[in-house]
Amino acid sequence: MKLVKDDHFTHRLMQVVTYIAKDSKSRARQFSRDLQRGLDGLKTFPYKCRRSFYYENEQIRDYIFKGYTIPYYIDEENEKIVILDIFKWTEEERK
């Protein structure tokens, strides 16, 4: 399967990496590399992650990475995985 990053995901990822880089640029680069390795693993086993809590669709899964949720859509017909978003809920947002 092919991995496709939605524009929304790309924008949000840049926000996350920029935030991490304020503290440590090397940690931000490592975060990006590790995330990409994890996402690449979805190509082989796209259904390994839980069904999404945020979408009512069996084809949308939640990949959890270092406290961030990355929902992705499995498009079997076109043999691709679309990475939709990246976010992290705080305790205040959960209430």
N, C-alpha and C. Protein backbone atom coordinates (compact mmCIF):
# COMPACT_ATOMS: atom_id res chain seq x y z
N MET A 1 0.83 -1.18 0.00
CA MET A 1 0.00 0.00 0.00
C MET A 1 0.88 1.25 0.00
N LYS A 2 0.35 2.29 -0.58
CA LYS A 2 1.04 3.56 -0.66
C LYS A 2 0.59 4.46 0.49
N LEU A 3 1.52 5.21 1.07
CA LEU A 3 1.22 6.13 2.16
C LEU A 3 1.06 7.54 1.58
N VAL A 4 -0.10 8.17 1.86
CA VAL A 4 -0.38 9.52 1.37
C VAL A 4 -0.66 10.41 2.56
N LYS A 5 0.01 11.56 2.62
CA LYS A 5 -0.20 12.50 3.73
C LYS A 5 -1.12 13.62 3.28
N ASP A 6 -2.27 13.72 3.93
CA ASP A 6 -3.22 14.79 3.65
C ASP A 6 -2.57 16.14 3.98
N ASP A 7 -2.96 17.19 3.26
CA ASP A 7 -2.41 18.53 3.50
C ASP A 7 -2.66 18.99 4.93
N HIS A 8 -3.82 18.64 5.47
CA HIS A 8 -4.13 19.02 6.86
C HIS A 8 -3.13 18.38 7.82
N PHE A 9 -2.84 17.09 7.61
CA PHE A 9 -1.86 16.40 8.44
C PHE A 9 -0.49 17.08 8.34
N THR A 10 -0.06 17.38 7.13
CA THR A 10 1.25 18.00 6.92
C THR A 10 1.35 19.33 7.66
N HIS A 11 0.30 20.13 7.57
CA HIS A 11 0.28 21.42 8.26
C HIS A 11 0.35 21.24 9.77
N ARG A 12 -0.46 20.34 10.29
CA ARG A 12 -0.49 20.10 11.74
C ARG A 12 0.83 19.51 12.23
N LEU A 13 1.43 18.62 11.43
CA LEU A 13 2.72 18.05 11.82
C LEU A 13 3.78 19.14 11.92
N MET A 14 3.78 20.07 11.00
CA MET A 14 4.74 21.17 11.05
C MET A 14 4.55 21.99 12.33
N GLN A 15 3.32 22.18 12.76
CA GLN A 15 3.06 22.89 14.01
C GLN A 15 3.64 22.13 15.20
N VAL A 16 3.44 20.82 15.22
CA VAL A 16 3.96 19.99 16.31
C VAL A 16 5.48 20.03 16.32
N VAL A 17 6.10 19.83 15.18
CA VAL A 17 7.56 19.82 15.10
C VAL A 17 8.14 21.18 15.49
N THR A 18 7.51 22.25 15.05
CA THR A 18 7.95 23.60 15.41
C THR A 18 7.88 23.80 16.92
N TYR A 19 6.82 23.32 17.52
CA TYR A 19 6.67 23.42 18.97
C TYR A 19 7.77 22.65 19.69
N ILE A 20 8.04 21.43 19.27
CA ILE A 20 9.10 20.62 19.88
C ILE A 20 10.47 21.28 19.68
N ALA A 21 10.68 21.87 18.51
CA ALA A 21 11.96 22.50 18.18
C ALA A 21 12.26 23.71 19.07
N LYS A 22 11.24 24.32 19.63
CA LYS A 22 11.47 25.44 20.54
C LYS A 22 12.32 25.00 21.73
N ASP A 23 12.14 23.75 22.13
CA ASP A 23 12.90 23.19 23.24
C ASP A 23 14.19 22.54 22.75
N SER A 24 14.09 21.78 21.64
CA SER A 24 15.26 21.05 21.14
C SER A 24 15.07 20.71 19.66
N LYS A 25 15.92 21.27 18.83
CA LYS A 25 15.84 20.99 17.40
C LYS A 25 16.18 19.54 17.10
N SER A 26 17.13 18.99 17.81
CA SER A 26 17.49 17.58 17.56
C SER A 26 16.35 16.65 17.97
N ARG A 27 15.65 16.98 19.05
CA ARG A 27 14.50 16.16 19.46
C ARG A 27 13.37 16.27 18.44
N ALA A 28 13.20 17.43 17.85
CA ALA A 28 12.16 17.60 16.82
C ALA A 28 12.49 16.76 15.59
N ARG A 29 13.77 16.76 15.18
CA ARG A 29 14.17 15.93 14.03
C ARG A 29 13.98 14.45 14.33
N GLN A 30 14.33 14.04 15.55
CA GLN A 30 14.17 12.64 15.95
C GLN A 30 12.70 12.25 15.98
N PHE A 31 11.86 13.13 16.47
CA PHE A 31 10.42 12.90 16.48
C PHE A 31 9.92 12.63 15.06
N SER A 32 10.32 13.48 14.13
CA SER A 32 9.89 13.33 12.73
C SER A 32 10.36 12.02 12.13
N ARG A 33 11.62 11.67 12.38
CA ARG A 33 12.16 10.41 11.84
C ARG A 33 11.44 9.21 12.42
N ASP A 34 11.25 9.20 13.74
CA ASP A 34 10.59 8.07 14.38
C ASP A 34 9.14 7.94 13.94
N LEU A 35 8.47 9.08 13.80
CA LEU A 35 7.08 9.05 13.33
C LEU A 35 7.01 8.47 11.92
N GLN A 36 7.90 8.90 11.04
CA GLN A 36 7.89 8.39 9.67
C GLN A 36 8.11 6.88 9.64
N ARG A 37 9.03 6.39 10.47
CA ARG A 37 9.26 4.93 10.54
C ARG A 37 8.00 4.21 10.99
N GLY A 38 7.32 4.76 11.98
CA GLY A 38 6.09 4.14 12.46
C GLY A 38 5.00 4.14 11.41
N LEU A 39 4.86 5.26 10.71
CA LEU A 39 3.85 5.34 9.65
C LEU A 39 4.17 4.39 8.50
N ASP A 40 5.45 4.24 8.19
CA ASP A 40 5.85 3.31 7.13
C ASP A 40 5.44 1.88 7.47
N GLY A 41 5.42 1.55 8.76
CA GLY A 41 5.00 0.22 9.19
C GLY A 41 3.54 -0.08 8.89
N LEU A 42 2.74 0.96 8.72
CA LEU A 42 1.32 0.76 8.41
C LEU A 42 1.14 0.19 7.01
N LYS A 43 2.10 0.39 6.12
CA LYS A 43 1.99 -0.11 4.75
C LYS A 43 1.83 -1.62 4.74
N THR A 44 2.52 -2.30 5.64
CA THR A 44 2.48 -3.75 5.69
C THR A 44 1.27 -4.27 6.47
N PHE A 45 0.97 -3.63 7.58
CA PHE A 45 -0.14 -4.05 8.45
C PHE A 45 -1.07 -2.87 8.74
N PRO A 46 -1.88 -2.46 7.78
CA PRO A 46 -2.70 -1.26 7.97
C PRO A 46 -3.76 -1.38 9.07
N TYR A 47 -4.19 -2.61 9.40
CA TYR A 47 -5.24 -2.78 10.40
C TYR A 47 -4.69 -3.06 11.80
N LYS A 48 -3.39 -2.85 12.01
CA LYS A 48 -2.81 -3.17 13.31
C LYS A 48 -3.25 -2.21 14.41
N CYS A 49 -3.69 -1.03 14.06
CA CYS A 49 -4.11 -0.05 15.07
C CYS A 49 -5.62 -0.13 15.33
N ARG A 50 -6.00 0.43 16.45
CA ARG A 50 -7.41 0.38 16.87
C ARG A 50 -8.31 1.16 15.91
N ARG A 51 -9.58 0.77 15.89
CA ARG A 51 -10.58 1.54 15.15
C ARG A 51 -10.67 2.91 15.80
N SER A 52 -10.82 3.95 15.00
CA SER A 52 -10.79 5.31 15.51
C SER A 52 -11.91 5.60 16.50
N PHE A 53 -11.57 6.33 17.55
CA PHE A 53 -12.55 6.81 18.51
C PHE A 53 -13.28 8.03 17.96
N TYR A 54 -12.73 8.65 16.95
CA TYR A 54 -13.20 9.95 16.48
C TYR A 54 -14.02 9.90 15.20
N TYR A 55 -14.05 8.76 14.54
CA TYR A 55 -14.78 8.61 13.28
C TYR A 55 -15.62 7.35 13.33
N GLU A 56 -16.77 7.39 12.72
CA GLU A 56 -17.67 6.24 12.65
C GLU A 56 -17.42 5.49 11.33
N ASN A 57 -16.22 4.98 11.18
CA ASN A 57 -15.85 4.30 9.94
C ASN A 57 -14.80 3.25 10.28
N GLU A 58 -15.08 2.01 9.94
CA GLU A 58 -14.18 0.89 10.21
C GLU A 58 -12.83 1.06 9.51
N GLN A 59 -12.81 1.81 8.44
CA GLN A 59 -11.58 2.00 7.65
C GLN A 59 -10.67 3.09 8.22
N ILE A 60 -11.14 3.81 9.21
CA ILE A 60 -10.31 4.85 9.82
C ILE A 60 -9.80 4.33 11.16
N ARG A 61 -8.48 4.37 11.31
CA ARG A 61 -7.80 3.84 12.47
C ARG A 61 -7.03 4.94 13.18
N ASP A 62 -6.69 4.72 14.44
CA ASP A 62 -5.90 5.67 15.22
C ASP A 62 -4.53 5.08 15.52
N TYR A 63 -3.51 5.68 14.96
CA TYR A 63 -2.14 5.32 15.29
C TYR A 63 -1.72 6.23 16.44
N ILE A 64 -1.26 5.66 17.54
CA ILE A 64 -0.84 6.43 18.70
C ILE A 64 0.68 6.47 18.72
N PHE A 65 1.22 7.70 18.81
CA PHE A 65 2.66 7.88 18.78
C PHE A 65 3.05 8.96 19.78
N LYS A 66 3.77 8.56 20.83
CA LYS A 66 4.26 9.49 21.84
C LYS A 66 3.18 10.44 22.36
N GLY A 67 2.00 9.89 22.62
CA GLY A 67 0.90 10.68 23.15
C GLY A 67 0.06 11.39 22.11
N TYR A 68 0.47 11.34 20.86
CA TYR A 68 -0.28 11.96 19.76
C TYR A 68 -1.14 10.90 19.09
N THR A 69 -2.31 11.32 18.64
CA THR A 69 -3.20 10.45 17.88
C THR A 69 -3.09 10.85 16.41
N ILE A 70 -2.87 9.86 15.56
CA ILE A 70 -2.77 10.09 14.11
C ILE A 70 -3.82 9.22 13.43
N PRO A 71 -5.00 9.79 13.13
CA PRO A 71 -6.01 9.01 12.42
C PRO A 71 -5.61 8.84 10.95
N TYR A 72 -5.91 7.66 10.42
CA TYR A 72 -5.60 7.40 9.01
C TYR A 72 -6.72 6.55 8.39
N TYR A 73 -6.90 6.75 7.11
CA TYR A 73 -7.95 6.07 6.35
C TYR A 73 -7.33 5.01 5.46
N ILE A 74 -7.86 3.80 5.53
CA ILE A 74 -7.38 2.71 4.69
C ILE A 74 -8.28 2.63 3.46
N ASP A 75 -7.73 2.98 2.32
CA ASP A 75 -8.45 2.96 1.04
C ASP A 75 -7.99 1.71 0.28
N GLU A 76 -8.66 0.61 0.53
CA GLU A 76 -8.27 -0.67 -0.07
C GLU A 76 -8.43 -0.66 -1.58
N GLU A 77 -9.47 -0.02 -2.06
CA GLU A 77 -9.75 0.00 -3.49
C GLU A 77 -8.60 0.63 -4.28
N ASN A 78 -8.04 1.70 -3.74
CA ASN A 78 -6.93 2.39 -4.42
C ASN A 78 -5.57 2.02 -3.84
N GLU A 79 -5.57 1.06 -2.92
CA GLU A 79 -4.34 0.56 -2.29
C GLU A 79 -3.48 1.68 -1.71
N LYS A 80 -4.13 2.51 -0.87
CA LYS A 80 -3.37 3.57 -0.22
C LYS A 80 -3.90 3.81 1.20
N ILE A 81 -3.04 4.39 1.99
CA ILE A 81 -3.36 4.79 3.36
C ILE A 81 -3.22 6.30 3.40
N VAL A 82 -4.28 6.99 3.79
CA VAL A 82 -4.27 8.45 3.84
C VAL A 82 -4.15 8.88 5.30
N ILE A 83 -3.05 9.57 5.61
CA ILE A 83 -2.84 10.09 6.97
C ILE A 83 -3.63 11.39 7.07
N LEU A 84 -4.56 11.45 8.02
CA LEU A 84 -5.53 12.55 8.07
C LEU A 84 -5.15 13.71 8.98
N ASP A 85 -4.59 13.42 10.14
CA ASP A 85 -4.39 14.48 11.14
C ASP A 85 -3.38 14.00 12.17
N ILE A 86 -2.96 14.91 13.02
CA ILE A 86 -2.17 14.59 14.21
C ILE A 86 -2.60 15.56 15.29
N PHE A 87 -2.90 15.02 16.48
CA PHE A 87 -3.31 15.88 17.58
C PHE A 87 -3.03 15.20 18.90
N LYS A 88 -3.03 16.02 19.94
CA LYS A 88 -2.79 15.54 21.29
C LYS A 88 -3.79 16.23 22.20
N TRP A 89 -4.60 15.44 22.88
CA TRP A 89 -5.58 16.01 23.79
C TRP A 89 -4.93 16.30 25.13
N THR A 90 -5.28 17.43 25.71
CA THR A 90 -4.83 17.74 27.07
C THR A 90 -5.93 17.33 28.03
N GLU A 91 -5.61 17.28 29.29
CA GLU A 91 -6.60 16.92 30.30
C GLU A 91 -7.78 17.89 30.29
N GLU A 92 -7.53 19.17 30.07
CA GLU A 92 -8.60 20.15 30.05
C GLU A 92 -9.55 19.93 28.90
N GLU A 93 -9.03 19.51 27.75
CA GLU A 93 -9.87 19.28 26.58
C GLU A 93 -10.72 18.02 26.72
N ARG A 94 -10.26 17.08 27.52
CA ARG A 94 -11.00 15.83 27.71
C ARG A 94 -12.25 16.02 28.56
N LYS A 95 -12.28 17.08 29.37
CA LYS A 95 -13.41 17.30 30.30
C LYS A 95 -14.60 17.85 29.57
